[in-house]
Every structure is written in structure tokens, then in C-alpha cells.
PDB file of N, CA and C in Angstrom:
ATOM      1  N   UNK A   1      -4.333  -4.371  -8.725  1.00  0.00           N
ATOM      2  CA  UNK A   1      -3.409  -3.088  -8.115  1.00  0.00           C
ATOM      3  C   UNK A   1      -3.887  -2.310  -7.623  1.00  0.00           C
ATOM      4  N   UNK A   2      -3.707  -2.020  -6.153  1.00  0.00           N
ATOM      5  CA  UNK A   2      -4.308  -0.860  -5.936  1.00  0.00           C
ATOM      6  C   UNK A   2      -2.837   0.027  -5.554  1.00  0.00           C
ATOM      7  N   UNK A   3      -2.991   1.528  -6.161  1.00  0.00           N
ATOM      8  CA  UNK A   3      -1.981   2.568  -5.639  1.00  0.00           C
ATOM      9  C   UNK A   3      -2.404   3.348  -4.684  1.00  0.00           C
ATOM     10  N   UNK A   4      -1.817   2.895  -3.566  1.00  0.00           N
ATOM     11  CA  UNK A   4      -2.206   3.782  -2.462  1.00  0.00           C
ATOM     12  C   UNK A   4      -1.129   5.003  -2.173  1.00  0.00           C
ATOM     13  N   UNK A   5      -0.294   5.036  -2.762  1.00  0.00           N
ATOM     14  CA  UNK A   5       0.519   6.455  -2.724  1.00  0.00           C
ATOM     15  C   UNK A   5      -0.172   7.829  -2.161  1.00  0.00           C
ATOM     16  N   UNK A   6      -1.413   8.055  -2.620  1.00  0.00           N
ATOM     17  CA  UNK A   6      -2.145   9.241  -1.892  1.00  0.00           C
ATOM     18  C   UNK A   6      -3.007   9.321  -0.442  1.00  0.00           C
ATOM     19  N   UNK A   7      -3.159   7.749  -0.560  1.00  0.00           N
ATOM     20  CA  UNK A   7      -3.966   7.209   0.655  1.00  0.00           C
ATOM     21  C   UNK A   7      -3.755   7.074   1.599  1.00  0.00           C
ATOM     22  N   UNK A   8      -2.765   6.325   1.696  1.00  0.00           N
ATOM     23  CA  UNK A   8      -1.906   5.548   2.632  1.00  0.00           C
ATOM     24  C   UNK A   8      -1.713   6.765   4.123  1.00  0.00           C
ATOM     25  N   UNK A   9      -0.983   7.649   3.601  1.00  0.00           N
ATOM     26  CA  UNK A   9      -0.718   8.600   4.841  1.00  0.00           C
ATOM     27  C   UNK A   9      -1.651   9.521   5.327  1.00  0.00           C
ATOM     28  N   UNK A  10      -2.903   9.297   5.002  1.00  0.00           N
ATOM     29  CA  UNK A  10      -3.992  10.107   5.122  1.00  0.00           C
ATOM     30  C   UNK A  10      -5.245   9.694   5.985  1.00  0.00           C
ATOM     31  N   UNK A  11      -5.198   8.203   5.503  1.00  0.00           N
ATOM     32  CA  UNK A  11      -6.723   7.336   6.047  1.00  0.00           C
ATOM     33  C   UNK A  11      -6.382   5.831   6.515  1.00  0.00           C
ATOM     34  N   UNK A  12      -6.962   5.373   7.107  1.00  0.00           N
ATOM     35  CA  UNK A  12      -6.569   3.922   7.699  1.00  0.00           C
ATOM     36  C   UNK A  12      -6.928   3.036   6.006  1.00  0.00           C
ATOM     37  N   UNK A  13      -6.341   2.116   5.983  1.00  0.00           N
ATOM     38  CA  UNK A  13      -6.645   1.352   4.610  1.00  0.00           C
ATOM     39  C   UNK A  13      -6.899  -0.308   5.108  1.00  0.00           C
ATOM     40  N   UNK A  14      -7.801  -0.773   4.969  1.00  0.00           N
ATOM     41  CA  UNK A  14      -8.237  -2.261   5.280  1.00  0.00           C
ATOM     42  C   UNK A  14      -8.068  -2.999   4.084  1.00  0.00           C
ATOM     43  N   UNK A  15      -7.167  -3.642   3.657  1.00  0.00           N
ATOM     44  CA  UNK A  15      -6.927  -4.325   2.178  1.00  0.00           C
ATOM     45  C   UNK A  15      -7.991  -5.551   2.500  1.00  0.00           C
ATOM     46  N   UNK A  16      -8.521  -6.244   3.550  1.00  0.00           N
ATOM     47  CA  UNK A  16      -9.369  -7.435   3.542  1.00  0.00           C
ATOM     48  C   UNK A  16     -10.632  -6.552   2.956  1.00  0.00           C
ATOM     49  N   UNK A  17     -11.057  -5.363   3.652  1.00  0.00           N
ATOM     50  CA  UNK A  17     -12.488  -4.815   3.059  1.00  0.00           C
ATOM     51  C   UNK A  17     -12.165  -4.482   1.844  1.00  0.00           C
ATOM     52  N   UNK A  18     -10.921  -3.943   1.115  1.00  0.00           N
ATOM     53  CA  UNK A  18     -10.944  -3.552  -0.232  1.00  0.00           C
ATOM     54  C   UNK A  18     -10.619  -5.047  -1.257  1.00  0.00           C
ATOM     55  N   UNK A  19     -10.586  -6.084  -0.722  1.00  0.00           N
ATOM     56  CA  UNK A  19     -10.270  -7.234  -1.198  1.00  0.00           C
ATOM     57  C   UNK A  19      -9.429  -7.164  -2.299  1.00  0.00           C
ATOM     58  N   UNK A  20      -8.400  -6.679  -2.131  1.00  0.00           N
ATOM     59  CA  UNK A  20      -7.078  -5.958  -3.197  1.00  0.00           C
ATOM     60  C   UNK A  20      -6.216  -7.594  -3.152  1.00  0.00           C
ATOM     61  N   UNK A  21      -5.574  -7.454  -4.349  1.00  0.00           N
ATOM     62  CA  UNK A  21      -4.596  -8.810  -4.574  1.00  0.00           C
ATOM     63  C   UNK A  21      -3.300  -8.291  -4.051  1.00  0.00           C
ATOM     64  N   UNK A  22      -3.125  -7.014  -4.690  1.00  0.00           N
ATOM     65  CA  UNK A  22      -2.027  -5.894  -4.139  1.00  0.00           C
ATOM     66  C   UNK A  22      -2.359  -4.643  -3.592  1.00  0.00           C
ATOM     67  N   UNK A  23      -1.230  -4.303  -2.977  1.00  0.00           N
ATOM     68  CA  UNK A  23      -1.574  -2.898  -2.599  1.00  0.00           C
ATOM     69  C   UNK A  23       0.370  -2.127  -2.531  1.00  0.00           C
ATOM     70  N   UNK A  24       0.149  -1.122  -3.251  1.00  0.00           N
ATOM     71  CA  UNK A  24       1.784  -0.482  -3.038  1.00  0.00           C
ATOM     72  C   UNK A  24       1.922   1.023  -2.956  1.00  0.00           C
ATOM     73  N   UNK A  25       2.684   1.171  -2.303  1.00  0.00           N
ATOM     74  CA  UNK A  25       2.788   2.416  -1.934  1.00  0.00           C
ATOM     75  C   UNK A  25       4.321   2.882  -1.740  1.00  0.00           C
ATOM     76  N   UNK A  26       4.671   4.434  -2.056  1.00  0.00           N
ATOM     77  CA  UNK A  26       6.306   4.574  -1.810  1.00  0.00           C
ATOM     78  C   UNK A  26       6.307   5.581  -0.266  1.00  0.00           C
ATOM     79  N   UNK A  27       7.483   5.391   0.536  1.00  0.00           N
ATOM     80  CA  UNK A  27       7.292   6.158   1.748  1.00  0.00           C
ATOM     81  C   UNK A  27       7.530   7.394   1.671  1.00  0.00           C
ATOM     82  N   UNK A  28       7.755   8.010   0.369  1.00  0.00           N
ATOM     83  CA  UNK A  28       8.174   9.691   0.625  1.00  0.00           C
ATOM     84  C   UNK A  28       7.018  10.691   1.137  1.00  0.00           C
ATOM     85  N   UNK A  29       5.777  10.035   0.745  1.00  0.00           N
ATOM     86  CA  UNK A  29       4.744  10.872   1.383  1.00  0.00           C
ATOM     87  C   UNK A  29       4.650  10.908   2.325  1.00  0.00           C
ATOM     88  N   UNK A  30       5.164  10.218   3.556  1.00  0.00           N
ATOM     89  CA  UNK A  30       5.158   9.912   4.987  1.00  0.00           C
ATOM     90  C   UNK A  30       7.089  10.168   5.530  1.00  0.00           C
ATOM     91  N   UNK A  31       7.536  11.072   4.446  1.00  0.00           N
ATOM     92  CA  UNK A  31       8.611  11.365   5.121  1.00  0.00           C
ATOM     93  C   UNK A  31       9.528  10.473   5.659  1.00  0.00           C
ATOM     94  N   UNK A  32       9.524   9.270   4.656  1.00  0.00           N
ATOM     95  CA  UNK A  32      10.331   8.399   4.616  1.00  0.00           C
ATOM     96  C   UNK A  32      11.266   8.656   4.088  1.00  0.00           C
ATOM     97  N   UNK A  33      12.578   7.769   4.556  1.00  0.00           N
ATOM     98  CA  UNK A  33      14.103   7.840   3.480  1.00  0.00           C
ATOM     99  C   UNK A  33      13.837   7.609   1.995  1.00  0.00           C
ATOM    100  N   UNK A  34      14.701   7.904   0.990  1.00  0.00           N
ATOM    101  CA  UNK A  34      14.387   7.569  -0.656  1.00  0.00           C
ATOM    102  C   UNK A  34      14.682   6.132  -0.813  1.00  0.00           C
ATOM    103  N   UNK A  35      13.583   5.797  -1.328  1.00  0.00           N
ATOM    104  CA  UNK A  35      13.591   4.062  -1.939  1.00  0.00           C
ATOM    105  C   UNK A  35      12.674   3.193  -1.004  1.00  0.00           C
ATOM    106  N   UNK A  36      12.219   3.829  -0.093  1.00  0.00           N
ATOM    107  CA  UNK A  36      11.314   2.911   0.917  1.00  0.00           C
ATOM    108  C   UNK A  36      10.243   2.772   0.389  1.00  0.00           C
ATOM    109  N   UNK A  37       9.348   1.609   0.190  1.00  0.00           N
ATOM    110  CA  UNK A  37       7.934   1.821  -0.277  1.00  0.00           C
ATOM    111  C   UNK A  37       7.802   0.226   0.643  1.00  0.00           C
ATOM    112  N   UNK A  38       6.427  -0.167   0.120  1.00  0.00           N
ATOM    113  CA  UNK A  38       5.949  -1.389   0.504  1.00  0.00           C
ATOM    114  C   UNK A  38       5.087  -1.969  -0.615  1.00  0.00           C
ATOM    115  N   UNK A  39       5.047  -3.307  -0.549  1.00  0.00           N
ATOM    116  CA  UNK A  39       3.761  -4.147  -1.466  1.00  0.00           C
ATOM    117  C   UNK A  39       3.293  -4.877  -0.669  1.00  0.00           C
ATOM    118  N   UNK A  40       1.897  -5.219  -0.566  1.00  0.00           N
ATOM    119  CA  UNK A  40       1.015  -5.859   0.210  1.00  0.00           C
ATOM    120  C   UNK A  40       0.723  -6.907  -0.982  1.00  0.00           C
ATOM    121  N   UNK A  41       1.069  -8.177  -0.707  1.00  0.00           N
ATOM    122  CA  UNK A  41       0.283  -9.524  -1.713  1.00  0.00           C
ATOM    123  C   UNK A  41      -0.283 -10.221  -0.318  1.00  0.00           C
ATOM    124  N   UNK A  42      -1.663 -10.540  -1.100  1.00  0.00           N
ATOM    125  CA  UNK A  42      -2.481 -11.152  -0.476  1.00  0.00           C
ATOM    126  C   UNK A  42      -2.191 -12.406  -0.373  1.00  0.00           C
ATOM    127  N   UNK A  43      -2.660 -13.382   0.527  1.00  0.00           N
ATOM    128  CA  UNK A  43      -2.287 -14.597   0.710  1.00  0.00           C
ATOM    129  C   UNK A  43      -3.165 -15.403  -0.408  1.00  0.00           C
ATOM    130  N   UNK A  44      -2.678 -16.627  -0.722  1.00  0.00           N
ATOM    131  CA  UNK A  44      -2.947 -17.186  -1.855  1.00  0.00           C
ATOM    132  C   UNK A  44      -2.728 -16.655  -3.371  1.00  0.00           C
ATOM    133  N   UNK A  45      -2.502 -15.567  -3.887  1.00  0.00           N
ATOM    134  CA  UNK A  45      -2.151 -15.069  -4.836  1.00  0.00           C
ATOM    135  C   UNK A  45      -0.846 -15.459  -5.918  1.00  0.00           C
ATOM    136  N   UNK A  46      -1.320 -16.759  -6.983  1.00  0.00           N
ATOM    137  CA  UNK A  46      -0.098 -17.171  -7.258  1.00  0.00           C
ATOM    138  C   UNK A  46       1.194 -16.427  -7.912  1.00  0.00           C
TER     139      UNK A  46
END
């Protein structure tokens, strides 16, 4: 599990290069409304 909260708003994130199963971040660092977030789940993860 990668916590992308600090990096996602500041740099491109390549989940394939990272080879992570999960990546999560909240949107408040990008001035998104309260409660907005993202969860990436790699294909094939049970």
C-alpha cells in the first residue's frame, strides 16, 4: 500500500513503475471538496 497524499499533488505518479498493489490519497491537498479521495487497485489483486 502506497500513501500518495504528499506526492500526488506535486509530481507524476507511475503506478506501473512503482509496481504497487494499492495507492491511496485524499484530495484535500489538491483543494478538492472534503471527503474526496482515490484508491488505485492493481488488476489481479484478490
